Amino acid sequence: MDRITELVFKGKNFLDSLNFEDALACFEQALLLNQNDPELWNLKAVSLRSLGRYEEAVECFNKSLGIDPRDRNAS
């Protein structure tokens, strides 16, 4: 398993357990390795939204759409 896949797996587990701070940290680390993956931006946005950081979440969703305008998960 590569590092990004590992971070996404851990981050999704944190999301499932409502540990949004740790989920956010995982997705931010993954984005340091690949900033051109719309799924990573979506996952970061979901974490931010769950923390009530709505403006930052919108920015991340918009970055996702900027990478892939057809990305249906960026909402």
PDB file of N, CA and C in Angstrom:
ATOM      1  N   MET A   1       0.851  -1.179   0.000  1.00  0.00           N
ATOM      2  CA  MET A   1       0.000   0.000   0.000  1.00  0.00           C
ATOM      3  C   MET A   1       0.896   1.241   0.000  1.00  0.00           C
ATOM      4  N   ASP A   2       0.643   2.162  -0.931  1.00  0.00           N
ATOM      5  CA  ASP A   2       1.473   3.366  -0.969  1.00  0.00           C
ATOM      6  C   ASP A   2       1.046   4.337   0.135  1.00  0.00           C
ATOM      7  N   ARG A   3       1.851   5.341   0.345  1.00  0.00           N
ATOM      8  CA  ARG A   3       1.644   6.280   1.467  1.00  0.00           C
ATOM      9  C   ARG A   3       0.305   7.014   1.351  1.00  0.00           C
ATOM     10  N   ILE A   4      -0.060   7.471   0.162  1.00  0.00           N
ATOM     11  CA  ILE A   4      -1.322   8.197  -0.001  1.00  0.00           C
ATOM     12  C   ILE A   4      -2.496   7.279   0.317  1.00  0.00           C
ATOM     13  N   THR A   5      -2.472   6.074  -0.201  1.00  0.00           N
ATOM     14  CA  THR A   5      -3.548   5.121   0.056  1.00  0.00           C
ATOM     15  C   THR A   5      -3.670   4.847   1.551  1.00  0.00           C
ATOM     16  N   GLU A   6      -2.539   4.707   2.213  1.00  0.00           N
ATOM     17  CA  GLU A   6      -2.527   4.475   3.661  1.00  0.00           C
ATOM     18  C   GLU A   6      -3.145   5.655   4.412  1.00  0.00           C
ATOM     19  N   LEU A   7      -2.782   6.867   4.023  1.00  0.00           N
ATOM     20  CA  LEU A   7      -3.319   8.057   4.681  1.00  0.00           C
ATOM     21  C   LEU A   7      -4.828   8.193   4.450  1.00  0.00           C
ATOM     22  N   VAL A   8      -5.271   7.906   3.232  1.00  0.00           N
ATOM     23  CA  VAL A   8      -6.709   7.975   2.932  1.00  0.00           C
ATOM     24  C   VAL A   8      -7.471   6.938   3.750  1.00  0.00           C
ATOM     25  N   PHE A   9      -6.936   5.735   3.826  1.00  0.00           N
ATOM     26  CA  PHE A   9      -7.568   4.674   4.609  1.00  0.00           C
ATOM     27  C   PHE A   9      -7.705   5.094   6.075  1.00  0.00           C
ATOM     28  N   LYS A  10      -6.604   5.593   6.645  1.00  0.00           N
ATOM     29  CA  LYS A  10      -6.635   6.043   8.033  1.00  0.00           C
ATOM     30  C   LYS A  10      -7.604   7.202   8.210  1.00  0.00           C
ATOM     31  N   GLY A  11      -7.557   8.150   7.277  1.00  0.00           N
ATOM     32  CA  GLY A  11      -8.433   9.320   7.365  1.00  0.00           C
ATOM     33  C   GLY A  11      -9.900   8.945   7.302  1.00  0.00           C
ATOM     34  N   LYS A  12     -10.243   8.028   6.418  1.00  0.00           N
ATOM     35  CA  LYS A  12     -11.642   7.589   6.324  1.00  0.00           C
ATOM     36  C   LYS A  12     -12.080   6.871   7.595  1.00  0.00           C
ATOM     37  N   ASN A  13     -11.186   6.097   8.190  1.00  0.00           N
ATOM     38  CA  ASN A  13     -11.509   5.460   9.466  1.00  0.00           C
ATOM     39  C   ASN A  13     -11.740   6.496  10.559  1.00  0.00           C
ATOM     40  N   PHE A  14     -10.921   7.537  10.568  1.00  0.00           N
ATOM     41  CA  PHE A  14     -11.134   8.620  11.534  1.00  0.00           C
ATOM     42  C   PHE A  14     -12.480   9.307  11.294  1.00  0.00           C
ATOM     43  N   LEU A  15     -12.822   9.542  10.021  1.00  0.00           N
ATOM     44  CA  LEU A  15     -14.132  10.140   9.716  1.00  0.00           C
ATOM     45  C   LEU A  15     -15.256   9.255  10.247  1.00  0.00           C
ATOM     46  N   ASP A  16     -15.152   7.963   9.993  1.00  0.00           N
ATOM     47  CA  ASP A  16     -16.186   7.026  10.444  1.00  0.00           C
ATOM     48  C   ASP A  16     -16.344   7.034  11.962  1.00  0.00           C
ATOM     49  N   SER A  17     -15.245   7.287  12.677  1.00  0.00           N
ATOM     50  CA  SER A  17     -15.306   7.301  14.133  1.00  0.00           C
ATOM     51  C   SER A  17     -15.524   8.721  14.680  1.00  0.00           C
ATOM     52  N   LEU A  18     -15.845   9.650  13.769  1.00  0.00           N
ATOM     53  CA  LEU A  18     -16.142  11.049  14.117  1.00  0.00           C
ATOM     54  C   LEU A  18     -14.940  11.784  14.711  1.00  0.00           C
ATOM     55  N   ASN A  19     -13.754  11.324  14.384  1.00  0.00           N
ATOM     56  CA  ASN A  19     -12.519  11.972  14.815  1.00  0.00           C
ATOM     57  C   ASN A  19     -12.048  12.866  13.663  1.00  0.00           C
ATOM     58  N   PHE A  20     -12.685  14.016  13.555  1.00  0.00           N
ATOM     59  CA  PHE A  20     -12.497  14.866  12.381  1.00  0.00           C
ATOM     60  C   PHE A  20     -11.134  15.554  12.350  1.00  0.00           C
ATOM     61  N   GLU A  21     -10.580  15.882  13.507  1.00  0.00           N
ATOM     62  CA  GLU A  21      -9.259  16.526  13.540  1.00  0.00           C
ATOM     63  C   GLU A  21      -8.184  15.589  12.968  1.00  0.00           C
ATOM     64  N   ASP A  22      -8.199  14.332  13.406  1.00  0.00           N
ATOM     65  CA  ASP A  22      -7.202  13.384  12.908  1.00  0.00           C
ATOM     66  C   ASP A  22      -7.448  13.045  11.440  1.00  0.00           C
ATOM     67  N   ALA A  23      -8.711  12.983  11.046  1.00  0.00           N
ATOM     68  CA  ALA A  23      -9.024  12.754   9.633  1.00  0.00           C
ATOM     69  C   ALA A  23      -8.448  13.882   8.788  1.00  0.00           C
ATOM     70  N   LEU A  24      -8.679  15.107   9.220  1.00  0.00           N
ATOM     71  CA  LEU A  24      -8.156  16.271   8.506  1.00  0.00           C
ATOM     72  C   LEU A  24      -6.640  16.189   8.386  1.00  0.00           C
ATOM     73  N   ALA A  25      -5.974  15.823   9.465  1.00  0.00           N
ATOM     74  CA  ALA A  25      -4.508  15.719   9.435  1.00  0.00           C
ATOM     75  C   ALA A  25      -4.049  14.697   8.397  1.00  0.00           C
ATOM     76  N   CYS A  26      -4.740  13.572   8.316  1.00  0.00           N
ATOM     77  CA  CYS A  26      -4.369  12.554   7.321  1.00  0.00           C
ATOM     78  C   CYS A  26      -4.543  13.082   5.902  1.00  0.00           C
ATOM     79  N   PHE A  27      -5.662  13.728   5.642  1.00  0.00           N
ATOM     80  CA  PHE A  27      -5.918  14.212   4.290  1.00  0.00           C
ATOM     81  C   PHE A  27      -4.970  15.351   3.915  1.00  0.00           C
ATOM     82  N   GLU A  28      -4.602  16.180   4.884  1.00  0.00           N
ATOM     83  CA  GLU A  28      -3.631  17.238   4.605  1.00  0.00           C
ATOM     84  C   GLU A  28      -2.265  16.633   4.269  1.00  0.00           C
ATOM     85  N   GLN A  29      -1.876  15.586   4.979  1.00  0.00           N
ATOM     86  CA  GLN A  29      -0.609  14.916   4.669  1.00  0.00           C
ATOM     87  C   GLN A  29      -0.643  14.306   3.277  1.00  0.00           C
ATOM     88  N   ALA A  30      -1.769  13.695   2.923  1.00  0.00           N
ATOM     89  CA  ALA A  30      -1.897  13.098   1.588  1.00  0.00           C
ATOM     90  C   ALA A  30      -1.809  14.182   0.517  1.00  0.00           C
ATOM     91  N   LEU A  31      -2.406  15.333   0.783  1.00  0.00           N
ATOM     92  CA  LEU A  31      -2.360  16.426  -0.193  1.00  0.00           C
ATOM     93  C   LEU A  31      -0.953  16.975  -0.373  1.00  0.00           C
ATOM     94  N   LEU A  32      -0.118  16.866   0.640  1.00  0.00           N
ATOM     95  CA  LEU A  32       1.277  17.276   0.478  1.00  0.00           C
ATOM     96  C   LEU A  32       1.981  16.390  -0.547  1.00  0.00           C
ATOM     97  N   LEU A  33       1.506  15.166  -0.702  1.00  0.00           N
ATOM     98  CA  LEU A  33       2.100  14.225  -1.646  1.00  0.00           C
ATOM     99  C   LEU A  33       1.479  14.316  -3.036  1.00  0.00           C
ATOM    100  N   ASN A  34       0.221  14.757  -3.095  1.00  0.00           N
ATOM    101  CA  ASN A  34      -0.464  14.878  -4.392  1.00  0.00           C
ATOM    102  C   ASN A  34      -1.578  15.912  -4.290  1.00  0.00           C
ATOM    103  N   GLN A  35      -1.320  17.107  -4.807  1.00  0.00           N
ATOM    104  CA  GLN A  35      -2.320  18.175  -4.744  1.00  0.00           C
ATOM    105  C   GLN A  35      -3.264  18.170  -5.938  1.00  0.00           C
ATOM    106  N   ASN A  36      -3.104  17.219  -6.827  1.00  0.00           N
ATOM    107  CA  ASN A  36      -3.930  17.180  -8.040  1.00  0.00           C
ATOM    108  C   ASN A  36      -4.988  16.077  -8.015  1.00  0.00           C
ATOM    109  N   ASP A  37      -5.313  15.587  -6.834  1.00  0.00           N
ATOM    110  CA  ASP A  37      -6.309  14.527  -6.696  1.00  0.00           C
ATOM    111  C   ASP A  37      -7.600  15.122  -6.127  1.00  0.00           C
ATOM    112  N   PRO A  38      -8.658  15.202  -6.937  1.00  0.00           N
ATOM    113  CA  PRO A  38      -9.894  15.821  -6.452  1.00  0.00           C
ATOM    114  C   PRO A  38     -10.501  15.083  -5.260  1.00  0.00           C
ATOM    115  N   GLU A  39     -10.308  13.763  -5.179  1.00  0.00           N
ATOM    116  CA  GLU A  39     -10.861  13.023  -4.038  1.00  0.00           C
ATOM    117  C   GLU A  39     -10.232  13.482  -2.730  1.00  0.00           C
ATOM    118  N   LEU A  40      -8.939  13.752  -2.737  1.00  0.00           N
ATOM    119  CA  LEU A  40      -8.269  14.221  -1.521  1.00  0.00           C
ATOM    120  C   LEU A  40      -8.827  15.563  -1.074  1.00  0.00           C
ATOM    121  N   TRP A  41      -9.066  16.459  -2.027  1.00  0.00           N
ATOM    122  CA  TRP A  41      -9.662  17.754  -1.688  1.00  0.00           C
ATOM    123  C   TRP A  41     -11.071  17.581  -1.136  1.00  0.00           C
ATOM    124  N   ASN A  42     -11.834  16.648  -1.706  1.00  0.00           N
ATOM    125  CA  ASN A  42     -13.184  16.377  -1.193  1.00  0.00           C
ATOM    126  C   ASN A  42     -13.133  15.858   0.233  1.00  0.00           C
ATOM    127  N   LEU A  43     -12.235  14.935   0.487  1.00  0.00           N
ATOM    128  CA  LEU A  43     -12.124  14.367   1.826  1.00  0.00           C
ATOM    129  C   LEU A  43     -11.697  15.421   2.845  1.00  0.00           C
ATOM    130  N   LYS A  44     -10.783  16.273   2.447  1.00  0.00           N
ATOM    131  CA  LYS A  44     -10.392  17.372   3.334  1.00  0.00           C
ATOM    132  C   LYS A  44     -11.594  18.279   3.585  1.00  0.00           C
ATOM    133  N   ALA A  45     -12.355  18.563   2.539  1.00  0.00           N
ATOM    134  CA  ALA A  45     -13.528  19.426   2.678  1.00  0.00           C
ATOM    135  C   ALA A  45     -14.564  18.811   3.613  1.00  0.00           C
ATOM    136  N   VAL A  46     -14.789  17.522   3.499  1.00  0.00           N
ATOM    137  CA  VAL A  46     -15.750  16.852   4.387  1.00  0.00           C
ATOM    138  C   VAL A  46     -15.284  16.970   5.840  1.00  0.00           C
ATOM    139  N   SER A  47     -14.007  16.797   6.061  1.00  0.00           N
ATOM    140  CA  SER A  47     -13.466  16.931   7.418  1.00  0.00           C
ATOM    141  C   SER A  47     -13.669  18.344   7.945  1.00  0.00           C
ATOM    142  N   LEU A  48     -13.339  19.320   7.118  1.00  0.00           N
ATOM    143  CA  LEU A  48     -13.504  20.714   7.529  1.00  0.00           C
ATOM    144  C   LEU A  48     -14.966  21.047   7.794  1.00  0.00           C
ATOM    145  N   ARG A  49     -15.847  20.588   6.916  1.00  0.00           N
ATOM    146  CA  ARG A  49     -17.281  20.830   7.102  1.00  0.00           C
ATOM    147  C   ARG A  49     -17.757  20.217   8.420  1.00  0.00           C
ATOM    148  N   SER A  50     -17.269  19.030   8.720  1.00  0.00           N
ATOM    149  CA  SER A  50     -17.652  18.354   9.960  1.00  0.00           C
ATOM    150  C   SER A  50     -17.157  19.095  11.194  1.00  0.00           C
ATOM    151  N   LEU A  51     -16.086  19.849  11.038  1.00  0.00           N
ATOM    152  CA  LEU A  51     -15.546  20.658  12.131  1.00  0.00           C
ATOM    153  C   LEU A  51     -16.195  22.043  12.201  1.00  0.00           C
ATOM    154  N   GLY A  52     -17.132  22.312  11.293  1.00  0.00           N
ATOM    155  CA  GLY A  52     -17.789  23.617  11.268  1.00  0.00           C
ATOM    156  C   GLY A  52     -16.975  24.696  10.590  1.00  0.00           C
ATOM    157  N   ARG A  53     -15.945  24.309   9.872  1.00  0.00           N
ATOM    158  CA  ARG A  53     -15.072  25.259   9.168  1.00  0.00           C
ATOM    159  C   ARG A  53     -15.540  25.352   7.720  1.00  0.00           C
ATOM    160  N   TYR A  54     -16.712  25.980   7.556  1.00  0.00           N
ATOM    161  CA  TYR A  54     -17.436  25.941   6.286  1.00  0.00           C
ATOM    162  C   TYR A  54     -16.737  26.686   5.149  1.00  0.00           C
ATOM    163  N   GLU A  55     -16.182  27.850   5.426  1.00  0.00           N
ATOM    164  CA  GLU A  55     -15.523  28.611   4.357  1.00  0.00           C
ATOM    165  C   GLU A  55     -14.338  27.840   3.792  1.00  0.00           C
ATOM    166  N   GLU A  56     -13.558  27.235   4.680  1.00  0.00           N
ATOM    167  CA  GLU A  56     -12.416  26.433   4.231  1.00  0.00           C
ATOM    168  C   GLU A  56     -12.895  25.209   3.451  1.00  0.00           C
ATOM    169  N   ALA A  57     -13.994  24.617   3.896  1.00  0.00           N
ATOM    170  CA  ALA A  57     -14.548  23.454   3.192  1.00  0.00           C
ATOM    171  C   ALA A  57     -14.957  23.836   1.776  1.00  0.00           C
ATOM    172  N   VAL A  58     -15.612  24.972   1.628  1.00  0.00           N
ATOM    173  CA  VAL A  58     -16.030  25.424   0.296  1.00  0.00           C
ATOM    174  C   VAL A  58     -14.812  25.626  -0.598  1.00  0.00           C
ATOM    175  N   GLU A  59     -13.750  26.193  -0.044  1.00  0.00           N
ATOM    176  CA  GLU A  59     -12.523  26.387  -0.832  1.00  0.00           C
ATOM    177  C   GLU A  59     -11.982  25.052  -1.327  1.00  0.00           C
ATOM    178  N   CYS A  60     -12.018  24.042  -0.477  1.00  0.00           N
ATOM    179  CA  CYS A  60     -11.517  22.716  -0.874  1.00  0.00           C
ATOM    180  C   CYS A  60     -12.416  22.077  -1.921  1.00  0.00           C
ATOM    181  N   PHE A  61     -13.732  22.193  -1.747  1.00  0.00           N
ATOM    182  CA  PHE A  61     -14.638  21.670  -2.771  1.00  0.00           C
ATOM    183  C   PHE A  61     -14.377  22.377  -4.104  1.00  0.00           C
ATOM    184  N   ASN A  62     -14.148  23.679  -4.060  1.00  0.00           N
ATOM    185  CA  ASN A  62     -13.875  24.418  -5.289  1.00  0.00           C
ATOM    186  C   ASN A  62     -12.556  23.990  -5.928  1.00  0.00           C
ATOM    187  N   LYS A  63     -11.558  23.699  -5.107  1.00  0.00           N
ATOM    188  CA  LYS A  63     -10.284  23.201  -5.659  1.00  0.00           C
ATOM    189  C   LYS A  63     -10.512  21.868  -6.362  1.00  0.00           C
ATOM    190  N   SER A  64     -11.327  21.025  -5.755  1.00  0.00           N
ATOM    191  CA  SER A  64     -11.643  19.736  -6.366  1.00  0.00           C
ATOM    192  C   SER A  64     -12.294  19.937  -7.728  1.00  0.00           C
ATOM    193  N   LEU A  65     -13.250  20.836  -7.778  1.00  0.00           N
ATOM    194  CA  LEU A  65     -13.937  21.117  -9.043  1.00  0.00           C
ATOM    195  C   LEU A  65     -13.003  21.754 -10.061  1.00  0.00           C
ATOM    196  N   GLY A  66     -12.032  22.535  -9.602  1.00  0.00           N
ATOM    197  CA  GLY A  66     -11.052  23.122 -10.503  1.00  0.00           C
ATOM    198  C   GLY A  66     -10.179  22.060 -11.160  1.00  0.00           C
ATOM    199  N   ILE A  67      -9.928  20.977 -10.436  1.00  0.00           N
ATOM    200  CA  ILE A  67      -9.127  19.876 -10.973  1.00  0.00           C
ATOM    201  C   ILE A  67      -9.976  19.021 -11.903  1.00  0.00           C
ATOM    202  N   ASP A  68     -11.197  18.722 -11.472  1.00  0.00           N
ATOM    203  CA  ASP A  68     -12.098  17.878 -12.261  1.00  0.00           C
ATOM    204  C   ASP A  68     -13.508  18.448 -12.182  1.00  0.00           C
ATOM    205  N   PRO A  69     -13.887  19.285 -13.155  1.00  0.00           N
ATOM    206  CA  PRO A  69     -15.205  19.926 -13.130  1.00  0.00           C
ATOM    207  C   PRO A  69     -16.366  18.925 -13.148  1.00  0.00           C
ATOM    208  N   ARG A  70     -16.106  17.702 -13.519  1.00  0.00           N
ATOM    209  CA  ARG A  70     -17.171  16.681 -13.557  1.00  0.00           C
ATOM    210  C   ARG A  70     -17.256  15.915 -12.246  1.00  0.00           C
ATOM    211  N   ASP A  71     -16.454  16.323 -11.265  1.00  0.00           N
ATOM    212  CA  ASP A  71     -16.404  15.601  -9.996  1.00  0.00           C
ATOM    213  C   ASP A  71     -17.726  15.760  -9.258  1.00  0.00           C
ATOM    214  N   ARG A  72     -18.508  14.697  -9.219  1.00  0.00           N
ATOM    215  CA  ARG A  72     -19.838  14.737  -8.604  1.00  0.00           C
ATOM    216  C   ARG A  72     -19.782  14.734  -7.089  1.00  0.00           C
ATOM    217  N   ASN A  73     -18.630  14.432  -6.499  1.00  0.00           N
ATOM    218  CA  ASN A  73     -18.529  14.389  -5.042  1.00  0.00           C
ATOM    219  C   ASN A  73     -18.286  15.759  -4.419  1.00  0.00           C
ATOM    220  N   ALA A  74     -17.934  16.731  -5.220  1.00  0.00           N
ATOM    221  CA  ALA A  74     -17.632  18.067  -4.710  1.00  0.00           C
ATOM    222  C   ALA A  74     -18.908  18.869  -4.561  1.00  0.00           C
ATOM    223  N   SER A  75     -19.599  18.617  -3.485  1.00  0.00           N
ATOM    224  CA  SER A  75     -20.861  19.335  -3.258  1.00  0.00           C
ATOM    225  C   SER A  75     -21.020  19.702  -1.809  1.00  0.00           C
TER     226      SER A  75
END
